[in-house]
């Protein structure tokens, strides 16, 4: 590689590094969409989700109104 070509590549890399540093330093927007898919394949989170679903189903079953008994007419 020639000296001038090497100098140009180093300058381009320096610009790219400066650009990446700027992006890292800038505060990131807090947005709920950043968390989508974070726990997709995490076995621990899948276990927690399963437990939460069991809890929710049990709670629904307990709070569901009991069926009324039909009253026999008085004679």
Foldseek 3Di string as FASTA:
>chain_A
DDPVVVVVVVVVVVVVVVVVVVVVPDDDDDDPVVCPPVCVPPPVVVVVVVVVVVVVVVVCVVPPDDDDDDDDDDD
